Every structure is written in structure tokens, then in C-alpha cells.
Amino acid sequence: MSALQNLAEVNVNISGNLGSIGYGLAAIGPGIGVGIVWASYIQSTARQPESAGLTRTYAFLGFAVSEALALLGFVVPFILGN
């Protein structure tokens, strides 16, 4: 094998690993977002228990939006990858 073929194989292996590392780093933001959403829901329910039904709806909407970002970060490398 030539040196150029060796370099090409190394490049493919590195880019595959960087995609996994990139997704791991990209999942930090939605994880923090989900934590903030549920912490706010718990705090609002503790302050005003009678509004728990209304705020629960907003908590699930915030959770869904945050998780959608994590799922996009997981799917996009597969779409744009080789």
C-alpha cells in the first residue's frame, strides 16, 4: 500500500470518531435545557400548586423542543456523512 492510501484510511477513521465526539458535545446543551425546563416546572408548582396542570403542558412542550435539538444533532451527521 502506498502512503497516500494509508493517509486516506487514517482520515476516514478519525472523521468517524470525531462525529461521535461531536454528537457527545452537542448533547450537552439539550441536556442542560431539559434540566432547566423541569427545574422551572418544579419551582413553579411548589410556589403555586393550583397551576400545576397548566404549567405541566408548557413543561412538556419545552422538553420536546429541547429533545428535538438533541435528535437533530444525532441525525444530521448520518445525513451529511459519507
PDB file of N, CA and C in Angstrom:
ATOM      1  N   MET A   1       0.830  -1.185   0.000  1.00  0.00           N
ATOM      2  CA  MET A   1       0.000   0.000   0.000  1.00  0.00           C
ATOM      3  C   MET A   1       0.873   1.246   0.000  1.00  0.00           C
ATOM      4  N   SER A   2       0.374   2.243  -0.662  1.00  0.00           N
ATOM      5  CA  SER A   2       1.131   3.489  -0.720  1.00  0.00           C
ATOM      6  C   SER A   2       0.833   4.334   0.517  1.00  0.00           C
ATOM      7  N   ALA A   3       1.645   5.337   0.684  1.00  0.00           N
ATOM      8  CA  ALA A   3       1.480   6.232   1.827  1.00  0.00           C
ATOM      9  C   ALA A   3       0.180   7.018   1.712  1.00  0.00           C
ATOM     10  N   LEU A   4      -0.221   7.326   0.487  1.00  0.00           N
ATOM     11  CA  LEU A   4      -1.465   8.084   0.282  1.00  0.00           C
ATOM     12  C   LEU A   4      -2.687   7.266   0.696  1.00  0.00           C
ATOM     13  N   GLN A   5      -2.689   5.966   0.421  1.00  0.00           N
ATOM     14  CA  GLN A   5      -3.800   5.114   0.833  1.00  0.00           C
ATOM     15  C   GLN A   5      -3.852   5.004   2.354  1.00  0.00           C
ATOM     16  N   ASN A   6      -2.689   4.889   2.980  1.00  0.00           N
ATOM     17  CA  ASN A   6      -2.649   4.851   4.443  1.00  0.00           C
ATOM     18  C   ASN A   6      -3.228   6.133   5.038  1.00  0.00           C
ATOM     19  N   LEU A   7      -2.852   7.266   4.444  1.00  0.00           N
ATOM     20  CA  LEU A   7      -3.367   8.542   4.923  1.00  0.00           C
ATOM     21  C   LEU A   7      -4.872   8.629   4.750  1.00  0.00           C
ATOM     22  N   ALA A   8      -5.420   8.135   3.661  1.00  0.00           N
ATOM     23  CA  ALA A   8      -6.859   8.166   3.419  1.00  0.00           C
ATOM     24  C   ALA A   8      -7.598   7.327   4.449  1.00  0.00           C
ATOM     25  N   GLU A   9      -7.062   6.161   4.790  1.00  0.00           N
ATOM     26  CA  GLU A   9      -7.701   5.315   5.796  1.00  0.00           C
ATOM     27  C   GLU A   9      -7.675   5.972   7.164  1.00  0.00           C
ATOM     28  N   VAL A  10      -6.574   6.608   7.506  1.00  0.00           N
ATOM     29  CA  VAL A  10      -6.485   7.292   8.792  1.00  0.00           C
ATOM     30  C   VAL A  10      -7.494   8.432   8.839  1.00  0.00           C
ATOM     31  N   ASN A  11      -7.646   9.175   7.757  1.00  0.00           N
ATOM     32  CA  ASN A  11      -8.584  10.293   7.703  1.00  0.00           C
ATOM     33  C   ASN A  11     -10.019   9.810   7.907  1.00  0.00           C
ATOM     34  N   VAL A  12     -10.389   8.691   7.297  1.00  0.00           N
ATOM     35  CA  VAL A  12     -11.742   8.152   7.453  1.00  0.00           C
ATOM     36  C   VAL A  12     -11.976   7.728   8.895  1.00  0.00           C
ATOM     37  N   ASN A  13     -11.016   7.070   9.505  1.00  0.00           N
ATOM     38  CA  ASN A  13     -11.174   6.619  10.884  1.00  0.00           C
ATOM     39  C   ASN A  13     -11.290   7.792  11.846  1.00  0.00           C
ATOM     40  N   ILE A  14     -10.506   8.827  11.622  1.00  0.00           N
ATOM     41  CA  ILE A  14     -10.553   9.988  12.503  1.00  0.00           C
ATOM     42  C   ILE A  14     -11.888  10.712  12.358  1.00  0.00           C
ATOM     43  N   SER A  15     -12.375  10.891  11.128  1.00  0.00           N
ATOM     44  CA  SER A  15     -13.621  11.621  10.946  1.00  0.00           C
ATOM     45  C   SER A  15     -14.802  10.864  11.546  1.00  0.00           C
ATOM     46  N   GLY A  16     -14.777   9.546  11.514  1.00  0.00           N
ATOM     47  CA  GLY A  16     -15.836   8.765  12.147  1.00  0.00           C
ATOM     48  C   GLY A  16     -15.848   8.955  13.649  1.00  0.00           C
ATOM     49  N   ASN A  17     -14.667   8.987  14.257  1.00  0.00           N
ATOM     50  CA  ASN A  17     -14.577   9.198  15.700  1.00  0.00           C
ATOM     51  C   ASN A  17     -14.952  10.622  16.080  1.00  0.00           C
ATOM     52  N   LEU A  18     -14.594  11.582  15.237  1.00  0.00           N
ATOM     53  CA  LEU A  18     -14.931  12.971  15.545  1.00  0.00           C
ATOM     54  C   LEU A  18     -16.429  13.200  15.486  1.00  0.00           C
ATOM     55  N   GLY A  19     -17.139  12.465  14.624  1.00  0.00           N
ATOM     56  CA  GLY A  19     -18.590  12.579  14.591  1.00  0.00           C
ATOM     57  C   GLY A  19     -19.209  12.140  15.906  1.00  0.00           C
ATOM     58  N   SER A  20     -18.685  11.078  16.477  1.00  0.00           N
ATOM     59  CA  SER A  20     -19.195  10.607  17.769  1.00  0.00           C
ATOM     60  C   SER A  20     -18.875  11.591  18.879  1.00  0.00           C
ATOM     61  N   ILE A  21     -17.688  12.122  18.847  1.00  0.00           N
ATOM     62  CA  ILE A  21     -17.301  13.114  19.858  1.00  0.00           C
ATOM     63  C   ILE A  21     -18.142  14.376  19.692  1.00  0.00           C
ATOM     64  N   GLY A  22     -18.372  14.770  18.447  1.00  0.00           N
ATOM     65  CA  GLY A  22     -19.179  15.960  18.180  1.00  0.00           C
ATOM     66  C   GLY A  22     -20.599  15.805  18.693  1.00  0.00           C
ATOM     67  N   TYR A  23     -21.195  14.620  18.489  1.00  0.00           N
ATOM     68  CA  TYR A  23     -22.550  14.418  18.994  1.00  0.00           C
ATOM     69  C   TYR A  23     -22.559  14.417  20.518  1.00  0.00           C
ATOM     70  N   GLY A  24     -21.561  13.842  21.119  1.00  0.00           N
ATOM     71  CA  GLY A  24     -21.481  13.860  22.580  1.00  0.00           C
ATOM     72  C   GLY A  24     -21.429  15.276  23.124  1.00  0.00           C
ATOM     73  N   LEU A  25     -20.657  16.129  22.462  1.00  0.00           N
ATOM     74  CA  LEU A  25     -20.593  17.529  22.885  1.00  0.00           C
ATOM     75  C   LEU A  25     -21.895  18.264  22.579  1.00  0.00           C
ATOM     76  N   ALA A  26     -22.535  17.915  21.456  1.00  0.00           N
ATOM     77  CA  ALA A  26     -23.782  18.578  21.089  1.00  0.00           C
ATOM     78  C   ALA A  26     -24.933  18.179  22.008  1.00  0.00           C
ATOM     79  N   ALA A  27     -24.839  17.047  22.661  1.00  0.00           N
ATOM     80  CA  ALA A  27     -25.910  16.593  23.547  1.00  0.00           C
ATOM     81  C   ALA A  27     -25.867  17.287  24.906  1.00  0.00           C
ATOM     82  N   ILE A  28     -24.793  17.997  25.191  1.00  0.00           N
ATOM     83  CA  ILE A  28     -24.687  18.691  26.479  1.00  0.00           C
ATOM     84  C   ILE A  28     -25.727  19.810  26.576  1.00  0.00           C
ATOM     85  N   GLY A  29     -25.894  20.579  25.506  1.00  0.00           N
ATOM     86  CA  GLY A  29     -26.837  21.705  25.516  1.00  0.00           C
ATOM     87  C   GLY A  29     -28.269  21.283  25.770  1.00  0.00           C
ATOM     88  N   PRO A  30     -28.805  20.324  24.992  1.00  0.00           N
ATOM     89  CA  PRO A  30     -30.170  19.877  25.277  1.00  0.00           C
ATOM     90  C   PRO A  30     -30.318  19.245  26.660  1.00  0.00           C
ATOM     91  N   GLY A  31     -29.294  18.590  27.143  1.00  0.00           N
ATOM     92  CA  GLY A  31     -29.360  18.021  28.493  1.00  0.00           C
ATOM     93  C   GLY A  31     -29.519  19.101  29.552  1.00  0.00           C
ATOM     94  N   ILE A  32     -28.769  20.177  29.395  1.00  0.00           N
ATOM     95  CA  ILE A  32     -28.903  21.306  30.318  1.00  0.00           C
ATOM     96  C   ILE A  32     -30.276  21.952  30.166  1.00  0.00           C
ATOM     97  N   GLY A  33     -30.743  22.072  28.916  1.00  0.00           N
ATOM     98  CA  GLY A  33     -32.055  22.672  28.662  1.00  0.00           C
ATOM     99  C   GLY A  33     -33.180  21.896  29.307  1.00  0.00           C
ATOM    100  N   VAL A  34     -33.130  20.571  29.212  1.00  0.00           N
ATOM    101  CA  VAL A  34     -34.165  19.728  29.826  1.00  0.00           C
ATOM    102  C   VAL A  34     -34.137  19.897  31.342  1.00  0.00           C
ATOM    103  N   GLY A  35     -32.956  19.969  31.901  1.00  0.00           N
ATOM    104  CA  GLY A  35     -32.840  20.178  33.347  1.00  0.00           C
ATOM    105  C   GLY A  35     -33.434  21.501  33.782  1.00  0.00           C
ATOM    106  N   ILE A  36     -33.195  22.540  33.005  1.00  0.00           N
ATOM    107  CA  ILE A  36     -33.743  23.857  33.336  1.00  0.00           C
ATOM    108  C   ILE A  36     -35.262  23.861  33.221  1.00  0.00           C
ATOM    109  N   VAL A  37     -35.794  23.205  32.183  1.00  0.00           N
ATOM    110  CA  VAL A  37     -37.250  23.153  31.996  1.00  0.00           C
ATOM    111  C   VAL A  37     -37.918  22.486  33.190  1.00  0.00           C
ATOM    112  N   TRP A  38     -37.419  21.316  33.586  1.00  0.00           N
ATOM    113  CA  TRP A  38     -38.068  20.597  34.684  1.00  0.00           C
ATOM    114  C   TRP A  38     -37.820  21.259  36.031  1.00  0.00           C
ATOM    115  N   ALA A  39     -36.672  21.901  36.205  1.00  0.00           N
ATOM    116  CA  ALA A  39     -36.433  22.636  37.453  1.00  0.00           C
ATOM    117  C   ALA A  39     -37.399  23.806  37.577  1.00  0.00           C
ATOM    118  N   SER A  40     -37.656  24.472  36.467  1.00  0.00           N
ATOM    119  CA  SER A  40     -38.613  25.585  36.492  1.00  0.00           C
ATOM    120  C   SER A  40     -40.022  25.090  36.767  1.00  0.00           C
ATOM    121  N   TYR A  41     -40.373  23.942  36.197  1.00  0.00           N
ATOM    122  CA  TYR A  41     -41.706  23.378  36.458  1.00  0.00           C
ATOM    123  C   TYR A  41     -41.869  23.025  37.934  1.00  0.00           C
ATOM    124  N   ILE A  42     -40.881  22.408  38.509  1.00  0.00           N
ATOM    125  CA  ILE A  42     -40.960  22.028  39.923  1.00  0.00           C
ATOM    126  C   ILE A  42     -41.049  23.266  40.804  1.00  0.00           C
ATOM    127  N   GLN A  43     -40.256  24.281  40.463  1.00  0.00           N
ATOM    128  CA  GLN A  43     -40.284  25.504  41.261  1.00  0.00           C
ATOM    129  C   GLN A  43     -41.627  26.215  41.142  1.00  0.00           C
ATOM    130  N   SER A  44     -42.183  26.286  39.939  1.00  0.00           N
ATOM    131  CA  SER A  44     -43.479  26.967  39.777  1.00  0.00           C
ATOM    132  C   SER A  44     -44.604  26.194  40.459  1.00  0.00           C
ATOM    133  N   THR A  45     -44.529  24.864  40.433  1.00  0.00           N
ATOM    134  CA  THR A  45     -45.545  24.060  41.107  1.00  0.00           C
ATOM    135  C   THR A  45     -45.427  24.189  42.622  1.00  0.00           C
ATOM    136  N   ALA A  46     -44.216  24.315  43.116  1.00  0.00           N
ATOM    137  CA  ALA A  46     -44.034  24.488  44.559  1.00  0.00           C
ATOM    138  C   ALA A  46     -44.541  25.852  45.018  1.00  0.00           C
ATOM    139  N   ARG A  47     -44.375  26.867  44.184  1.00  0.00           N
ATOM    140  CA  ARG A  47     -44.834  28.212  44.553  1.00  0.00           C
ATOM    141  C   ARG A  47     -46.346  28.352  44.450  1.00  0.00           C
ATOM    142  N   GLN A  48     -46.945  27.719  43.425  1.00  0.00           N
ATOM    143  CA  GLN A  48     -48.390  27.863  43.203  1.00  0.00           C
ATOM    144  C   GLN A  48     -48.940  26.501  42.745  1.00  0.00           C
ATOM    145  N   PRO A  49     -49.269  25.632  43.681  1.00  0.00           N
ATOM    146  CA  PRO A  49     -49.683  24.261  43.339  1.00  0.00           C
ATOM    147  C   PRO A  49     -50.932  24.174  42.466  1.00  0.00           C
ATOM    148  N   GLU A  50     -51.825  25.141  42.546  1.00  0.00           N
ATOM    149  CA  GLU A  50     -53.060  25.048  41.767  1.00  0.00           C
ATOM    150  C   GLU A  50     -52.827  25.258  40.266  1.00  0.00           C
ATOM    151  N   SER A  51     -51.675  25.765  39.879  1.00  0.00           N
ATOM    152  CA  SER A  51     -51.393  25.959  38.450  1.00  0.00           C
ATOM    153  C   SER A  51     -50.570  24.817  37.860  1.00  0.00           C
ATOM    154  N   ALA A  52     -50.461  23.715  38.559  1.00  0.00           N
ATOM    155  CA  ALA A  52     -49.617  22.601  38.099  1.00  0.00           C
ATOM    156  C   ALA A  52     -50.105  22.026  36.774  1.00  0.00           C
ATOM    157  N   GLY A  53     -51.414  21.953  36.566  1.00  0.00           N
ATOM    158  CA  GLY A  53     -51.949  21.400  35.325  1.00  0.00           C
ATOM    159  C   GLY A  53     -51.580  22.234  34.109  1.00  0.00           C
ATOM    160  N   LEU A  54     -51.663  23.551  34.246  1.00  0.00           N
ATOM    161  CA  LEU A  54     -51.341  24.445  33.140  1.00  0.00           C
ATOM    162  C   LEU A  54     -49.838  24.452  32.856  1.00  0.00           C
ATOM    163  N   THR A  55     -49.041  24.533  33.904  1.00  0.00           N
ATOM    164  CA  THR A  55     -47.593  24.596  33.691  1.00  0.00           C
ATOM    165  C   THR A  55     -47.026  23.256  33.225  1.00  0.00           C
ATOM    166  N   ARG A  56     -47.705  22.155  33.531  1.00  0.00           N
ATOM    167  CA  ARG A  56     -47.234  20.847  33.065  1.00  0.00           C
ATOM    168  C   ARG A  56     -47.231  20.782  31.537  1.00  0.00           C
ATOM    169  N   THR A  57     -48.251  21.366  30.917  1.00  0.00           N
ATOM    170  CA  THR A  57     -48.325  21.402  29.454  1.00  0.00           C
ATOM    171  C   THR A  57     -47.124  22.136  28.879  1.00  0.00           C
ATOM    172  N   TYR A  58     -46.804  23.284  29.447  1.00  0.00           N
ATOM    173  CA  TYR A  58     -45.666  24.056  28.972  1.00  0.00           C
ATOM    174  C   TYR A  58     -44.350  23.343  29.238  1.00  0.00           C
ATOM    175  N   ALA A  59     -44.287  22.601  30.339  1.00  0.00           N
ATOM    176  CA  ALA A  59     -43.067  21.843  30.639  1.00  0.00           C
ATOM    177  C   ALA A  59     -42.835  20.759  29.590  1.00  0.00           C
ATOM    178  N   PHE A  60     -43.889  20.068  29.195  1.00  0.00           N
ATOM    179  CA  PHE A  60     -43.722  19.037  28.165  1.00  0.00           C
ATOM    180  C   PHE A  60     -43.375  19.650  26.809  1.00  0.00           C
ATOM    181  N   LEU A  61     -43.932  20.811  26.509  1.00  0.00           N
ATOM    182  CA  LEU A  61     -43.565  21.487  25.255  1.00  0.00           C
ATOM    183  C   LEU A  61     -42.094  21.902  25.260  1.00  0.00           C
ATOM    184  N   GLY A  62     -41.637  22.461  26.365  1.00  0.00           N
ATOM    185  CA  GLY A  62     -40.222  22.834  26.479  1.00  0.00           C
ATOM    186  C   GLY A  62     -39.307  21.635  26.411  1.00  0.00           C
ATOM    187  N   PHE A  63     -39.727  20.536  27.023  1.00  0.00           N
ATOM    188  CA  PHE A  63     -38.949  19.295  26.975  1.00  0.00           C
ATOM    189  C   PHE A  63     -38.849  18.784  25.539  1.00  0.00           C
ATOM    190  N   ALA A  64     -39.971  18.819  24.811  1.00  0.00           N
ATOM    191  CA  ALA A  64     -39.988  18.321  23.434  1.00  0.00           C
ATOM    192  C   ALA A  64     -39.089  19.163  22.538  1.00  0.00           C
ATOM    193  N   VAL A  65     -39.111  20.459  22.708  1.00  0.00           N
ATOM    194  CA  VAL A  65     -38.262  21.327  21.883  1.00  0.00           C
ATOM    195  C   VAL A  65     -36.791  21.074  22.182  1.00  0.00           C
ATOM    196  N   SER A  66     -36.445  20.927  23.458  1.00  0.00           N
ATOM    197  CA  SER A  66     -35.054  20.661  23.820  1.00  0.00           C
ATOM    198  C   SER A  66     -34.588  19.313  23.284  1.00  0.00           C
ATOM    199  N   GLU A  67     -35.424  18.306  23.386  1.00  0.00           N
ATOM    200  CA  GLU A  67     -35.051  16.985  22.896  1.00  0.00           C
ATOM    201  C   GLU A  67     -34.981  16.935  21.373  1.00  0.00           C
ATOM    202  N   ALA A  68     -35.777  17.766  20.700  1.00  0.00           N
ATOM    203  CA  ALA A  68     -35.708  17.819  19.242  1.00  0.00           C
ATOM    204  C   ALA A  68     -34.330  18.271  18.790  1.00  0.00           C
ATOM    205  N   LEU A  69     -33.730  19.183  19.527  1.00  0.00           N
ATOM    206  CA  LEU A  69     -32.370  19.617  19.187  1.00  0.00           C
ATOM    207  C   LEU A  69     -31.379  18.472  19.333  1.00  0.00           C
ATOM    208  N   ALA A  70     -31.540  17.659  20.358  1.00  0.00           N
ATOM    209  CA  ALA A  70     -30.646  16.517  20.544  1.00  0.00           C
ATOM    210  C   ALA A  70     -30.829  15.502  19.425  1.00  0.00           C
ATOM    211  N   LEU A  71     -32.064  15.256  19.021  1.00  0.00           N
ATOM    212  CA  LEU A  71     -32.312  14.304  17.938  1.00  0.00           C
ATOM    213  C   LEU A  71     -31.780  14.818  16.609  1.00  0.00           C
ATOM    214  N   LEU A  72     -31.896  16.116  16.363  1.00  0.00           N
ATOM    215  CA  LEU A  72     -31.311  16.684  15.151  1.00  0.00           C
ATOM    216  C   LEU A  72     -29.789  16.525  15.155  1.00  0.00           C
ATOM    217  N   GLY A  73     -29.184  16.750  16.300  1.00  0.00           N
ATOM    218  CA  GLY A  73     -27.736  16.577  16.411  1.00  0.00           C
ATOM    219  C   GLY A  73     -27.317  15.133  16.190  1.00  0.00           C
ATOM    220  N   PHE A  74     -28.189  14.196  16.457  1.00  0.00           N
ATOM    221  CA  PHE A  74     -27.893  12.778  16.250  1.00  0.00           C
ATOM    222  C   PHE A  74     -28.079  12.370  14.786  1.00  0.00           C
ATOM    223  N   VAL A  75     -29.070  12.936  14.125  1.00  0.00           N
ATOM    224  CA  VAL A  75     -29.424  12.505  12.768  1.00  0.00           C
ATOM    225  C   VAL A  75     -28.578  13.217  11.699  1.00  0.00           C
ATOM    226  N   VAL A  76     -28.261  14.475  11.890  1.00  0.00           N
ATOM    227  CA  VAL A  76     -27.571  15.258  10.857  1.00  0.00           C
ATOM    228  C   VAL A  76     -26.241  14.651  10.451  1.00  0.00           C
ATOM    229  N   PRO A  77     -25.400  14.145  11.348  1.00  0.00           N
ATOM    230  CA  PRO A  77     -24.148  13.523  10.877  1.00  0.00           C
ATOM    231  C   PRO A  77     -24.392  12.310   9.958  1.00  0.00           C
ATOM    232  N   PHE A  78     -25.475  11.574  10.170  1.00  0.00           N
ATOM    233  CA  PHE A  78     -25.774  10.450   9.289  1.00  0.00           C
ATOM    234  C   PHE A  78     -26.197  10.933   7.912  1.00  0.00           C
ATOM    235  N   ILE A  79     -26.913  12.045   7.854  1.00  0.00           N
ATOM    236  CA  ILE A  79     -27.379  12.581   6.586  1.00  0.00           C
ATOM    237  C   ILE A  79     -26.219  13.196   5.798  1.00  0.00           C
ATOM    238  N   LEU A  80     -25.384  13.965   6.483  1.00  0.00           N
ATOM    239  CA  LEU A  80     -24.299  14.667   5.815  1.00  0.00           C
ATOM    240  C   LEU A  80     -23.030  13.849   5.680  1.00  0.00           C
ATOM    241  N   GLY A  81     -22.963  12.723   6.373  1.00  0.00           N
ATOM    242  CA  GLY A  81     -21.775  11.876   6.310  1.00  0.00           C
ATOM    243  C   GLY A  81     -21.627  11.178   4.972  1.00  0.00           C
ATOM    244  N   ASN A  82     -20.510  10.508   4.832  1.00  0.00           N
ATOM    245  CA  ASN A  82     -20.231   9.796   3.558  1.00  0.00           C
ATOM    246  C   ASN A  82     -21.072   8.558   3.436  1.00  0.00           C
TER     247      ASN A  82
END
